[in-house]
Amino acid sequence: MKFPFKKFVATLSMVAPVIAMVVPGGDVIAPYLPSILKGIADAERTPGTAGQTKRGYVVEIAVNAAHITNAAKPGTVNPVLVGEVAGAYVDAVVGTINLARDAQAALPTVSAPLLIAATS
């Protein structure tokens, strides 16, 4: 089962910042998170594209952002390290979203809202 795209983006926006705090080196990519998250969402919009290709697209965005940072202020950040951390981050984010999707798929279908009556 695949998440509808809007649900994927909503889930991404909720879990991604938290994951950045626990991925080793997450602080290295913190300045690039908005670009990385947009890259993940953009990559997810491309049907039929392999996961590794999507991951590479997002890593390339992060590395390019690091190069731009270094162009403005040389030696600020190591683009290779940014790429490595961004790759681990993408794996963690997508893995977490897939766990949520799979957990949702395992839940029973409820056809009507459940009402819980208060007893006095």
PDB file of N, CA and C in Angstrom:
ATOM      1  N   MET A   1       0.853  -1.185   0.000  1.00  0.00           N
ATOM      2  CA  MET A   1       0.000   0.000   0.000  1.00  0.00           C
ATOM      3  C   MET A   1       0.893   1.242   0.000  1.00  0.00           C
ATOM      4  N   LYS A   2       0.566   2.183  -0.830  1.00  0.00           N
ATOM      5  CA  LYS A   2       1.344   3.414  -0.925  1.00  0.00           C
ATOM      6  C   LYS A   2       0.532   4.554  -0.311  1.00  0.00           C
ATOM      7  N   PHE A   3       1.200   5.419   0.426  1.00  0.00           N
ATOM      8  CA  PHE A   3       0.531   6.598   0.973  1.00  0.00           C
ATOM      9  C   PHE A   3       0.084   7.488  -0.174  1.00  0.00           C
ATOM     10  N   PRO A   4      -1.085   8.093  -0.052  1.00  0.00           N
ATOM     11  CA  PRO A   4      -1.397   9.169  -0.996  1.00  0.00           C
ATOM     12  C   PRO A   4      -0.338  10.267  -0.820  1.00  0.00           C
ATOM     13  N   PHE A   5      -0.019  10.971  -1.882  1.00  0.00           N
ATOM     14  CA  PHE A   5       1.084  11.920  -1.843  1.00  0.00           C
ATOM     15  C   PHE A   5       0.911  12.970  -0.746  1.00  0.00           C
ATOM     16  N   LYS A   6      -0.296  13.508  -0.571  1.00  0.00           N
ATOM     17  CA  LYS A   6      -0.515  14.525   0.470  1.00  0.00           C
ATOM     18  C   LYS A   6      -0.213  13.963   1.853  1.00  0.00           C
ATOM     19  N   LYS A   7      -0.577  12.718   2.084  1.00  0.00           N
ATOM     20  CA  LYS A   7      -0.300  12.095   3.384  1.00  0.00           C
ATOM     21  C   LYS A   7       1.201  11.882   3.546  1.00  0.00           C
ATOM     22  N   PHE A   8       1.884  11.513   2.453  1.00  0.00           N
ATOM     23  CA  PHE A   8       3.338  11.348   2.503  1.00  0.00           C
ATOM     24  C   PHE A   8       4.003  12.657   2.905  1.00  0.00           C
ATOM     25  N   VAL A   9       3.616  13.759   2.258  1.00  0.00           N
ATOM     26  CA  VAL A   9       4.225  15.061   2.552  1.00  0.00           C
ATOM     27  C   VAL A   9       3.905  15.501   3.972  1.00  0.00           C
ATOM     28  N   ALA A  10       2.684  15.276   4.422  1.00  0.00           N
ATOM     29  CA  ALA A  10       2.316  15.648   5.790  1.00  0.00           C
ATOM     30  C   ALA A  10       3.137  14.846   6.802  1.00  0.00           C
ATOM     31  N   THR A  11       3.289  13.554   6.550  1.00  0.00           N
ATOM     32  CA  THR A  11       4.073  12.710   7.447  1.00  0.00           C
ATOM     33  C   THR A  11       5.541  13.127   7.410  1.00  0.00           C
ATOM     34  N   LEU A  12       6.038  13.409   6.219  1.00  0.00           N
ATOM     35  CA  LEU A  12       7.413  13.859   6.055  1.00  0.00           C
ATOM     36  C   LEU A  12       7.677  15.114   6.878  1.00  0.00           C
ATOM     37  N   SER A  13       6.783  16.080   6.808  1.00  0.00           N
ATOM     38  CA  SER A  13       7.003  17.344   7.517  1.00  0.00           C
ATOM     39  C   SER A  13       6.979  17.161   9.030  1.00  0.00           C
ATOM     40  N   MET A  14       6.285  16.122   9.504  1.00  0.00           N
ATOM     41  CA  MET A  14       6.221  15.886  10.946  1.00  0.00           C
ATOM     42  C   MET A  14       7.428  15.111  11.471  1.00  0.00           C
ATOM     43  N   VAL A  15       7.836  14.068  10.759  1.00  0.00           N
ATOM     44  CA  VAL A  15       8.881  13.204  11.303  1.00  0.00           C
ATOM     45  C   VAL A  15      10.293  13.619  10.912  1.00  0.00           C
ATOM     46  N   ALA A  16      10.444  14.280   9.784  1.00  0.00           N
ATOM     47  CA  ALA A  16      11.774  14.583   9.271  1.00  0.00           C
ATOM     48  C   ALA A  16      12.633  15.434  10.212  1.00  0.00           C
ATOM     49  N   PRO A  17      12.108  16.515  10.797  1.00  0.00           N
ATOM     50  CA  PRO A  17      12.956  17.306  11.704  1.00  0.00           C
ATOM     51  C   PRO A  17      13.416  16.516  12.932  1.00  0.00           C
ATOM     52  N   VAL A  18      12.558  15.642  13.437  1.00  0.00           N
ATOM     53  CA  VAL A  18      12.917  14.837  14.608  1.00  0.00           C
ATOM     54  C   VAL A  18      14.022  13.845  14.229  1.00  0.00           C
ATOM     55  N   ILE A  19      13.900  13.263  13.060  1.00  0.00           N
ATOM     56  CA  ILE A  19      14.899  12.294  12.618  1.00  0.00           C
ATOM     57  C   ILE A  19      16.265  12.962  12.461  1.00  0.00           C
ATOM     58  N   ALA A  20      16.276  14.209  12.027  1.00  0.00           N
ATOM     59  CA  ALA A  20      17.549  14.926  11.869  1.00  0.00           C
ATOM     60  C   ALA A  20      18.289  15.036  13.195  1.00  0.00           C
ATOM     61  N   MET A  21      17.543  15.059  14.290  1.00  0.00           N
ATOM     62  CA  MET A  21      18.181  15.168  15.603  1.00  0.00           C
ATOM     63  C   MET A  21      18.848  13.869  16.040  1.00  0.00           C
ATOM     64  N   VAL A  22      18.412  12.737  15.476  1.00  0.00           N
ATOM     65  CA  VAL A  22      18.955  11.456  15.923  1.00  0.00           C
ATOM     66  C   VAL A  22      19.894  10.800  14.914  1.00  0.00           C
ATOM     67  N   VAL A  23      19.897  11.268  13.680  1.00  0.00           N
ATOM     68  CA  VAL A  23      20.833  10.727  12.685  1.00  0.00           C
ATOM     69  C   VAL A  23      22.224  11.255  13.011  1.00  0.00           C
ATOM     70  N   PRO A  24      23.219  10.370  13.109  1.00  0.00           N
ATOM     71  CA  PRO A  24      24.575  10.855  13.382  1.00  0.00           C
ATOM     72  C   PRO A  24      24.995  11.906  12.348  1.00  0.00           C
ATOM     73  N   GLY A  25      25.428  13.059  12.832  1.00  0.00           N
ATOM     74  CA  GLY A  25      25.822  14.154  11.950  1.00  0.00           C
ATOM     75  C   GLY A  25      24.654  15.010  11.494  1.00  0.00           C
ATOM     76  N   GLY A  26      23.489  14.787  12.064  1.00  0.00           N
ATOM     77  CA  GLY A  26      22.305  15.548  11.659  1.00  0.00           C
ATOM     78  C   GLY A  26      22.495  17.048  11.741  1.00  0.00           C
ATOM     79  N   ASP A  27      23.313  17.491  12.676  1.00  0.00           N
ATOM     80  CA  ASP A  27      23.565  18.924  12.804  1.00  0.00           C
ATOM     81  C   ASP A  27      24.288  19.482  11.575  1.00  0.00           C
ATOM     82  N   VAL A  28      25.042  18.616  10.879  1.00  0.00           N
ATOM     83  CA  VAL A  28      25.768  19.038   9.684  1.00  0.00           C
ATOM     84  C   VAL A  28      24.800  19.429   8.565  1.00  0.00           C
ATOM     85  N   ILE A  29      23.667  18.704   8.476  1.00  0.00           N
ATOM     86  CA  ILE A  29      22.724  18.984   7.394  1.00  0.00           C
ATOM     87  C   ILE A  29      21.586  19.906   7.804  1.00  0.00           C
ATOM     88  N   ALA A  30      21.555  20.292   9.072  1.00  0.00           N
ATOM     89  CA  ALA A  30      20.457  21.133   9.560  1.00  0.00           C
ATOM     90  C   ALA A  30      20.197  22.366   8.688  1.00  0.00           C
ATOM     91  N   PRO A  31      21.220  23.091   8.249  1.00  0.00           N
ATOM     92  CA  PRO A  31      20.941  24.272   7.418  1.00  0.00           C
ATOM     93  C   PRO A  31      20.311  23.928   6.071  1.00  0.00           C
ATOM     94  N   TYR A  32      20.455  22.678   5.659  1.00  0.00           N
ATOM     95  CA  TYR A  32      19.973  22.273   4.338  1.00  0.00           C
ATOM     96  C   TYR A  32      18.663  21.489   4.394  1.00  0.00           C
ATOM     97  N   LEU A  33      18.080  21.327   5.580  1.00  0.00           N
ATOM     98  CA  LEU A  33      16.868  20.516   5.714  1.00  0.00           C
ATOM     99  C   LEU A  33      15.728  20.966   4.804  1.00  0.00           C
ATOM    100  N   PRO A  34      15.426  22.260   4.697  1.00  0.00           N
ATOM    101  CA  PRO A  34      14.326  22.625   3.785  1.00  0.00           C
ATOM    102  C   PRO A  34      14.561  22.142   2.353  1.00  0.00           C
ATOM    103  N   SER A  35      15.777  22.274   1.863  1.00  0.00           N
ATOM    104  CA  SER A  35      16.088  21.815   0.505  1.00  0.00           C
ATOM    105  C   SER A  35      16.021  20.292   0.411  1.00  0.00           C
ATOM    106  N   ILE A  36      16.515  19.621   1.431  1.00  0.00           N
ATOM    107  CA  ILE A  36      16.502  18.159   1.442  1.00  0.00           C
ATOM    108  C   ILE A  36      15.068  17.641   1.480  1.00  0.00           C
ATOM    109  N   LEU A  37      14.229  18.235   2.325  1.00  0.00           N
ATOM    110  CA  LEU A  37      12.834  17.789   2.423  1.00  0.00           C
ATOM    111  C   LEU A  37      12.081  18.025   1.124  1.00  0.00           C
ATOM    112  N   LYS A  38      12.330  19.168   0.491  1.00  0.00           N
ATOM    113  CA  LYS A  38      11.697  19.429  -0.807  1.00  0.00           C
ATOM    114  C   LYS A  38      12.194  18.415  -1.829  1.00  0.00           C
ATOM    115  N   GLY A  39      13.480  18.082  -1.766  1.00  0.00           N
ATOM    116  CA  GLY A  39      14.033  17.082  -2.672  1.00  0.00           C
ATOM    117  C   GLY A  39      13.395  15.715  -2.484  1.00  0.00           C
ATOM    118  N   ILE A  40      13.170  15.320  -1.228  1.00  0.00           N
ATOM    119  CA  ILE A  40      12.517  14.034  -0.953  1.00  0.00           C
ATOM    120  C   ILE A  40      11.108  14.038  -1.534  1.00  0.00           C
ATOM    121  N   ALA A  41      10.370  15.117  -1.306  1.00  0.00           N
ATOM    122  CA  ALA A  41       9.003  15.212  -1.837  1.00  0.00           C
ATOM    123  C   ALA A  41       9.018  15.197  -3.365  1.00  0.00           C
ATOM    124  N   ASP A  42       9.923  15.954  -3.969  1.00  0.00           N
ATOM    125  CA  ASP A  42      10.023  15.971  -5.436  1.00  0.00           C
ATOM    126  C   ASP A  42      10.364  14.589  -5.974  1.00  0.00           C
ATOM    127  N   ALA A  43      11.318  13.911  -5.338  1.00  0.00           N
ATOM    128  CA  ALA A  43      11.729  12.584  -5.788  1.00  0.00           C
ATOM    129  C   ALA A  43      10.577  11.594  -5.685  1.00  0.00           C
ATOM    130  N   GLU A  44       9.777  11.746  -4.660  1.00  0.00           N
ATOM    131  CA  GLU A  44       8.657  10.831  -4.451  1.00  0.00           C
ATOM    132  C   GLU A  44       7.568  11.027  -5.515  1.00  0.00           C
ATOM    133  N   ARG A  45       7.565  12.173  -6.162  1.00  0.00           N
ATOM    134  CA  ARG A  45       6.582  12.462  -7.217  1.00  0.00           C
ATOM    135  C   ARG A  45       6.914  11.776  -8.533  1.00  0.00           C
ATOM    136  N   THR A  46       8.075  11.172  -8.636  1.00  0.00           N
ATOM    137  CA  THR A  46       8.488  10.588  -9.904  1.00  0.00           C
ATOM    138  C   THR A  46       8.194   9.093  -9.903  1.00  0.00           C
ATOM    139  N   PRO A  47       7.046   8.703 -10.453  1.00  0.00           N
ATOM    140  CA  PRO A  47       6.666   7.285 -10.437  1.00  0.00           C
ATOM    141  C   PRO A  47       7.616   6.444 -11.281  1.00  0.00           C
ATOM    142  N   GLY A  48       7.854   5.243 -10.810  1.00  0.00           N
ATOM    143  CA  GLY A  48       8.692   4.316 -11.550  1.00  0.00           C
ATOM    144  C   GLY A  48      10.186   4.534 -11.384  1.00  0.00           C
ATOM    145  N   THR A  49      10.570   5.540 -10.615  1.00  0.00           N
ATOM    146  CA  THR A  49      11.986   5.803 -10.394  1.00  0.00           C
ATOM    147  C   THR A  49      12.474   4.950  -9.226  1.00  0.00           C
ATOM    148  N   ALA A  50      13.618   4.321  -9.389  1.00  0.00           N
ATOM    149  CA  ALA A  50      14.171   3.459  -8.342  1.00  0.00           C
ATOM    150  C   ALA A  50      14.534   4.276  -7.108  1.00  0.00           C
ATOM    151  N   GLY A  51      14.430   3.641  -5.959  1.00  0.00           N
ATOM    152  CA  GLY A  51      14.733   4.306  -4.695  1.00  0.00           C
ATOM    153  C   GLY A  51      16.136   4.880  -4.639  1.00  0.00           C
ATOM    154  N   GLN A  52      17.123   4.139  -5.157  1.00  0.00           N
ATOM    155  CA  GLN A  52      18.501   4.622  -5.131  1.00  0.00           C
ATOM    156  C   GLN A  52      18.662   5.874  -5.996  1.00  0.00           C
ATOM    157  N   THR A  53      17.925   5.956  -7.089  1.00  0.00           N
ATOM    158  CA  THR A  53      17.980   7.141  -7.949  1.00  0.00           C
ATOM    159  C   THR A  53      17.396   8.339  -7.218  1.00  0.00           C
ATOM    160  N   LYS A  54      16.283   8.116  -6.525  1.00  0.00           N
ATOM    161  CA  LYS A  54      15.660   9.187  -5.742  1.00  0.00           C
ATOM    162  C   LYS A  54      16.615   9.655  -4.641  1.00  0.00           C
ATOM    163  N   ARG A  55      17.226   8.686  -3.971  1.00  0.00           N
ATOM    164  CA  ARG A  55      18.168   9.004  -2.892  1.00  0.00           C
ATOM    165  C   ARG A  55      19.326   9.830  -3.448  1.00  0.00           C
ATOM    166  N   GLY A  56      19.860   9.421  -4.584  1.00  0.00           N
ATOM    167  CA  GLY A  56      20.961  10.145  -5.212  1.00  0.00           C
ATOM    168  C   GLY A  56      20.593  11.569  -5.571  1.00  0.00           C
ATOM    169  N   TYR A  57      19.363  11.763  -6.019  1.00  0.00           N
ATOM    170  CA  TYR A  57      18.872  13.103  -6.346  1.00  0.00           C
ATOM    171  C   TYR A  57      18.904  14.003  -5.109  1.00  0.00           C
ATOM    172  N   VAL A  58      18.432  13.481  -3.985  1.00  0.00           N
ATOM    173  CA  VAL A  58      18.382  14.270  -2.752  1.00  0.00           C
ATOM    174  C   VAL A  58      19.790  14.535  -2.217  1.00  0.00           C
ATOM    175  N   VAL A  59      20.649  13.541  -2.265  1.00  0.00           N
ATOM    176  CA  VAL A  59      22.032  13.727  -1.821  1.00  0.00           C
ATOM    177  C   VAL A  59      22.710  14.794  -2.674  1.00  0.00           C
ATOM    178  N   GLU A  60      22.464  14.767  -3.972  1.00  0.00           N
ATOM    179  CA  GLU A  60      23.052  15.772  -4.865  1.00  0.00           C
ATOM    180  C   GLU A  60      22.591  17.185  -4.491  1.00  0.00           C
ATOM    181  N   ILE A  61      21.338  17.328  -4.114  1.00  0.00           N
ATOM    182  CA  ILE A  61      20.825  18.635  -3.671  1.00  0.00           C
ATOM    183  C   ILE A  61      21.605  19.113  -2.448  1.00  0.00           C
ATOM    184  N   ALA A  62      21.802  18.225  -1.480  1.00  0.00           N
ATOM    185  CA  ALA A  62      22.516  18.590  -0.250  1.00  0.00           C
ATOM    186  C   ALA A  62      23.970  18.954  -0.542  1.00  0.00           C
ATOM    187  N   VAL A  63      24.630  18.170  -1.377  1.00  0.00           N
ATOM    188  CA  VAL A  63      26.027  18.436  -1.711  1.00  0.00           C
ATOM    189  C   VAL A  63      26.155  19.760  -2.462  1.00  0.00           C
ATOM    190  N   ASN A  64      25.242  20.006  -3.393  1.00  0.00           N
ATOM    191  CA  ASN A  64      25.272  21.288  -4.117  1.00  0.00           C
ATOM    192  C   ASN A  64      25.062  22.465  -3.166  1.00  0.00           C
ATOM    193  N   ALA A  65      24.169  22.287  -2.200  1.00  0.00           N
ATOM    194  CA  ALA A  65      23.943  23.351  -1.216  1.00  0.00           C
ATOM    195  C   ALA A  65      25.216  23.599  -0.398  1.00  0.00           C
ATOM    196  N   ALA A  66      25.925  22.537  -0.060  1.00  0.00           N
ATOM    197  CA  ALA A  66      27.188  22.685   0.682  1.00  0.00           C
ATOM    198  C   ALA A  66      28.227  23.421  -0.162  1.00  0.00           C
ATOM    199  N   HIS A  67      28.293  23.116  -1.441  1.00  0.00           N
ATOM    200  CA  HIS A  67      29.226  23.821  -2.331  1.00  0.00           C
ATOM    201  C   HIS A  67      28.872  25.303  -2.423  1.00  0.00           C
ATOM    202  N   ILE A  68      27.595  25.617  -2.449  1.00  0.00           N
ATOM    203  CA  ILE A  68      27.167  27.026  -2.488  1.00  0.00           C
ATOM    204  C   ILE A  68      27.590  27.733  -1.201  1.00  0.00           C
ATOM    205  N   THR A  69      27.418  27.041  -0.069  1.00  0.00           N
ATOM    206  CA  THR A  69      27.856  27.604   1.212  1.00  0.00           C
ATOM    207  C   THR A  69      29.353  27.891   1.173  1.00  0.00           C
ATOM    208  N   ASN A  70      30.124  26.948   0.664  1.00  0.00           N
ATOM    209  CA  ASN A  70      31.573  27.126   0.593  1.00  0.00           C
ATOM    210  C   ASN A  70      31.987  28.196  -0.407  1.00  0.00           C
ATOM    211  N   ALA A  71      31.189  28.415  -1.450  1.00  0.00           N
ATOM    212  CA  ALA A  71      31.502  29.483  -2.408  1.00  0.00           C
ATOM    213  C   ALA A  71      31.372  30.844  -1.728  1.00  0.00           C
ATOM    214  N   ALA A  72      30.376  30.939  -0.836  1.00  0.00           N
ATOM    215  CA  ALA A  72      30.173  32.197  -0.115  1.00  0.00           C
ATOM    216  C   ALA A  72      31.200  32.376   1.002  1.00  0.00           C
ATOM    217  N   LYS A  73      31.546  31.271   1.653  1.00  0.00           N
ATOM    218  CA  LYS A  73      32.498  31.323   2.766  1.00  0.00           C
ATOM    219  C   LYS A  73      33.336  30.040   2.725  1.00  0.00           C
ATOM    220  N   PRO A  74      34.459  30.078   2.018  1.00  0.00           N
ATOM    221  CA  PRO A  74      35.273  28.875   1.813  1.00  0.00           C
ATOM    222  C   PRO A  74      35.634  28.152   3.118  1.00  0.00           C
ATOM    223  N   GLY A  75      35.544  26.806   3.042  1.00  0.00           N
ATOM    224  CA  GLY A  75      35.924  25.964   4.174  1.00  0.00           C
ATOM    225  C   GLY A  75      34.873  25.844   5.256  1.00  0.00           C
ATOM    226  N   THR A  76      33.678  26.344   5.017  1.00  0.00           N
ATOM    227  CA  THR A  76      32.631  26.311   6.040  1.00  0.00           C
ATOM    228  C   THR A  76      32.167  24.893   6.336  1.00  0.00           C
ATOM    229  N   VAL A  77      32.012  24.097   5.299  1.00  0.00           N
ATOM    230  CA  VAL A  77      31.442  22.765   5.478  1.00  0.00           C
ATOM    231  C   VAL A  77      32.109  21.795   4.501  1.00  0.00           C
ATOM    232  N   ASN A  78      32.141  20.534   4.877  1.00  0.00           N
ATOM    233  CA  ASN A  78      32.705  19.495   4.028  1.00  0.00           C
ATOM    234  C   ASN A  78      31.577  18.894   3.184  1.00  0.00           C
ATOM    235  N   PRO A  79      31.528  19.172   1.871  1.00  0.00           N
ATOM    236  CA  PRO A  79      30.446  18.658   1.026  1.00  0.00           C
ATOM    237  C   PRO A  79      30.345  17.134   1.003  1.00  0.00           C
ATOM    238  N   VAL A  80      31.472  16.440   1.111  1.00  0.00           N
ATOM    239  CA  VAL A  80      31.433  14.971   1.126  1.00  0.00           C
ATOM    240  C   VAL A  80      30.718  14.487   2.381  1.00  0.00           C
ATOM    241  N   LEU A  81      31.038  15.080   3.523  1.00  0.00           N
ATOM    242  CA  LEU A  81      30.367  14.722   4.769  1.00  0.00           C
ATOM    243  C   LEU A  81      28.876  15.041   4.693  1.00  0.00           C
ATOM    244  N   VAL A  82      28.542  16.194   4.142  1.00  0.00           N
ATOM    245  CA  VAL A  82      27.128  16.559   3.983  1.00  0.00           C
ATOM    246  C   VAL A  82      26.409  15.500   3.149  1.00  0.00           C
ATOM    247  N   GLY A  83      27.043  15.040   2.077  1.00  0.00           N
ATOM    248  CA  GLY A  83      26.437  14.013   1.230  1.00  0.00           C
ATOM    249  C   GLY A  83      26.230  12.701   1.962  1.00  0.00           C
ATOM    250  N   GLU A  84      27.214  12.293   2.749  1.00  0.00           N
ATOM    251  CA  GLU A  84      27.096  11.049   3.510  1.00  0.00           C
ATOM    252  C   GLU A  84      25.974  11.130   4.542  1.00  0.00           C
ATOM    253  N   VAL A  85      25.927  12.234   5.261  1.00  0.00           N
ATOM    254  CA  VAL A  85      24.889  12.411   6.279  1.00  0.00           C
ATOM    255  C   VAL A  85      23.516  12.516   5.610  1.00  0.00           C
ATOM    256  N   ALA A  86      23.431  13.243   4.506  1.00  0.00           N
ATOM    257  CA  ALA A  86      22.158  13.375   3.803  1.00  0.00           C
ATOM    258  C   ALA A  86      21.660  12.017   3.329  1.00  0.00           C
ATOM    259  N   GLY A  87      22.549  11.160   2.854  1.00  0.00           N
ATOM    260  CA  GLY A  87      22.143   9.821   2.427  1.00  0.00           C
ATOM    261  C   GLY A  87      21.584   8.999   3.576  1.00  0.00           C
ATOM    262  N   ALA A  88      22.270   9.033   4.723  1.00  0.00           N
ATOM    263  CA  ALA A  88      21.789   8.317   5.905  1.00  0.00           C
ATOM    264  C   ALA A  88      20.451   8.895   6.369  1.00  0.00           C
ATOM    265  N   TYR A  89      20.330  10.195   6.277  1.00  0.00           N
ATOM    266  CA  TYR A  89      19.100  10.876   6.677  1.00  0.00           C
ATOM    267  C   TYR A  89      17.935  10.458   5.779  1.00  0.00           C
ATOM    268  N   VAL A  90      18.153  10.446   4.474  1.00  0.00           N
ATOM    269  CA  VAL A  90      17.092  10.032   3.539  1.00  0.00           C
ATOM    270  C   VAL A  90      16.667   8.602   3.853  1.00  0.00           C
ATOM    271  N   ASP A  91      17.623   7.724   4.084  1.00  0.00           N
ATOM    272  CA  ASP A  91      17.293   6.335   4.421  1.00  0.00           C
ATOM    273  C   ASP A  91      16.438   6.262   5.684  1.00  0.00           C
ATOM    274  N   ALA A  92      16.804   7.041   6.698  1.00  0.00           N
ATOM    275  CA  ALA A  92      16.065   7.032   7.961  1.00  0.00           C
ATOM    276  C   ALA A  92      14.658   7.605   7.788  1.00  0.00           C
ATOM    277  N   VAL A  93      14.539   8.693   7.050  1.00  0.00           N
ATOM    278  CA  VAL A  93      13.221   9.321   6.841  1.00  0.00           C
ATOM    279  C   VAL A  93      12.305   8.389   6.062  1.00  0.00           C
ATOM    280  N   VAL A  94      12.789   7.882   4.951  1.00  0.00           N
ATOM    281  CA  VAL A  94      11.949   7.014   4.121  1.00  0.00           C
ATOM    282  C   VAL A  94      11.617   5.726   4.866  1.00  0.00           C
ATOM    283  N   GLY A  95      12.568   5.177   5.597  1.00  0.00           N
ATOM    284  CA  GLY A  95      12.299   3.984   6.395  1.00  0.00           C
ATOM    285  C   GLY A  95      11.220   4.220   7.444  1.00  0.00           C
ATOM    286  N   THR A  96      11.274   5.363   8.097  1.00  0.00           N
ATOM    287  CA  THR A  96      10.273   5.704   9.114  1.00  0.00           C
ATOM    288  C   THR A  96       8.892   5.863   8.487  1.00  0.00           C
ATOM    289  N   ILE A  97       8.832   6.540   7.366  1.00  0.00           N
ATOM    290  CA  ILE A  97       7.539   6.724   6.688  1.00  0.00           C
ATOM    291  C   ILE A  97       6.999   5.382   6.209  1.00  0.00           C
ATOM    292  N   ASN A  98       7.869   4.514   5.717  1.00  0.00           N
ATOM    293  CA  ASN A  98       7.417   3.190   5.293  1.00  0.00           C
ATOM    294  C   ASN A  98       6.880   2.377   6.463  1.00  0.00           C
ATOM    295  N   LEU A  99       7.515   2.503   7.632  1.00  0.00           N
ATOM    296  CA  LEU A  99       6.994   1.824   8.829  1.00  0.00           C
ATOM    297  C   LEU A  99       5.593   2.330   9.174  1.00  0.00           C
ATOM    298  N   ALA A 100       5.407   3.640   9.103  1.00  0.00           N
ATOM    299  CA  ALA A 100       4.089   4.214   9.397  1.00  0.00           C
ATOM    300  C   ALA A 100       3.060   3.734   8.386  1.00  0.00           C
ATOM    301  N   ARG A 101       3.438   3.698   7.121  1.00  0.00           N
ATOM    302  CA  ARG A 101       2.527   3.240   6.065  1.00  0.00           C
ATOM    303  C   ARG A 101       2.137   1.782   6.298  1.00  0.00           C
ATOM    304  N   ASP A 102       3.129   0.941   6.606  1.00  0.00           N
ATOM    305  CA  ASP A 102       2.857  -0.475   6.824  1.00  0.00           C
ATOM    306  C   ASP A 102       1.998  -0.697   8.066  1.00  0.00           C
ATOM    307  N   ALA A 103       2.250   0.085   9.111  1.00  0.00           N
ATOM    308  CA  ALA A 103       1.435  -0.030  10.322  1.00  0.00           C
ATOM    309  C   ALA A 103      -0.005   0.363  10.033  1.00  0.00           C
ATOM    310  N   GLN A 104      -0.184   1.397   9.240  1.00  0.00           N
ATOM    311  CA  GLN A 104      -1.536   1.831   8.888  1.00  0.00           C
ATOM    312  C   GLN A 104      -2.247   0.749   8.082  1.00  0.00           C
ATOM    313  N   ALA A 105      -1.528   0.114   7.178  1.00  0.00           N
ATOM    314  CA  ALA A 105      -2.122  -0.926   6.341  1.00  0.00           C
ATOM    315  C   ALA A 105      -2.580  -2.119   7.182  1.00  0.00           C
ATOM    316  N   ALA A 106      -1.936  -2.348   8.316  1.00  0.00           N
ATOM    317  CA  ALA A 106      -2.273  -3.482   9.172  1.00  0.00           C
ATOM    318  C   ALA A 106      -3.485  -3.212  10.065  1.00  0.00           C
ATOM    319  N   LEU A 107      -3.910  -1.958  10.134  1.00  0.00           N
ATOM    320  CA  LEU A 107      -5.054  -1.627  10.987  1.00  0.00           C
ATOM    321  C   LEU A 107      -6.354  -2.091  10.342  1.00  0.00           C
ATOM    322  N   PRO A 108      -7.337  -2.464  11.163  1.00  0.00           N
ATOM    323  CA  PRO A 108      -8.633  -2.858  10.585  1.00  0.00           C
ATOM    324  C   PRO A 108      -9.337  -1.635   9.991  1.00  0.00           C
ATOM    325  N   THR A 109     -10.150  -1.879   9.002  1.00  0.00           N
ATOM    326  CA  THR A 109     -10.921  -0.806   8.378  1.00  0.00           C
ATOM    327  C   THR A 109     -12.149  -0.519   9.227  1.00  0.00           C
ATOM    328  N   VAL A 110     -12.383   0.736   9.480  1.00  0.00           N
ATOM    329  CA  VAL A 110     -13.553   1.151  10.239  1.00  0.00           C
ATOM    330  C   VAL A 110     -14.469   1.883   9.264  1.00  0.00           C
ATOM    331  N   SER A 111     -15.697   1.403   9.123  1.00  0.00           N
ATOM    332  CA  SER A 111     -16.591   1.983   8.129  1.00  0.00           C
ATOM    333  C   SER A 111     -17.341   3.208   8.640  1.00  0.00           C
ATOM    334  N   ALA A 112     -17.473   3.346   9.930  1.00  0.00           N
ATOM    335  CA  ALA A 112     -18.183   4.492  10.491  1.00  0.00           C
ATOM    336  C   ALA A 112     -17.414   4.961  11.720  1.00  0.00           C
ATOM    337  N   PRO A 113     -17.524   6.239  12.029  1.00  0.00           N
ATOM    338  CA  PRO A 113     -16.832   6.724  13.234  1.00  0.00           C
ATOM    339  C   PRO A 113     -17.337   5.998  14.472  1.00  0.00           C
ATOM    340  N   LEU A 114     -16.427   5.713  15.341  1.00  0.00           N
ATOM    341  CA  LEU A 114     -16.809   5.077  16.593  1.00  0.00           C
ATOM    342  C   LEU A 114     -17.227   6.143  17.583  1.00  0.00           C
ATOM    343  N   LEU A 115     -18.326   5.926  18.232  1.00  0.00           N
ATOM    344  CA  LEU A 115     -18.807   6.845  19.256  1.00  0.00           C
ATOM    345  C   LEU A 115     -18.691   6.160  20.608  1.00  0.00           C
ATOM    346  N   ILE A 116     -18.119   6.856  21.514  1.00  0.00           N
ATOM    347  CA  ILE A 116     -17.996   6.309  22.864  1.00  0.00           C
ATOM    348  C   ILE A 116     -18.931   7.107  23.750  1.00  0.00           C
ATOM    349  N   ALA A 117     -19.905   6.432  24.294  1.00  0.00           N
ATOM    350  CA  ALA A 117     -20.885   7.113  25.127  1.00  0.00           C
ATOM    351  C   ALA A 117     -20.341   7.252  26.541  1.00  0.00           C
ATOM    352  N   ALA A 118     -20.518   8.417  27.062  1.00  0.00           N
ATOM    353  CA  ALA A 118     -20.081   8.659  28.444  1.00  0.00           C
ATOM    354  C   ALA A 118     -21.136   8.081  29.383  1.00  0.00           C
ATOM    355  N   THR A 119     -20.655   7.417  30.411  1.00  0.00           N
ATOM    356  CA  THR A 119     -21.601   6.870  31.384  1.00  0.00           C
ATOM    357  C   THR A 119     -21.516   7.697  32.649  1.00  0.00           C
ATOM    358  N   SER A 120     -22.661   7.937  33.247  1.00  0.00           N
ATOM    359  CA  SER A 120     -22.673   8.730  34.469  1.00  0.00           C
ATOM    360  C   SER A 120     -22.903   7.882  35.670  1.00  0.00           C
TER     361      SER A 120
END
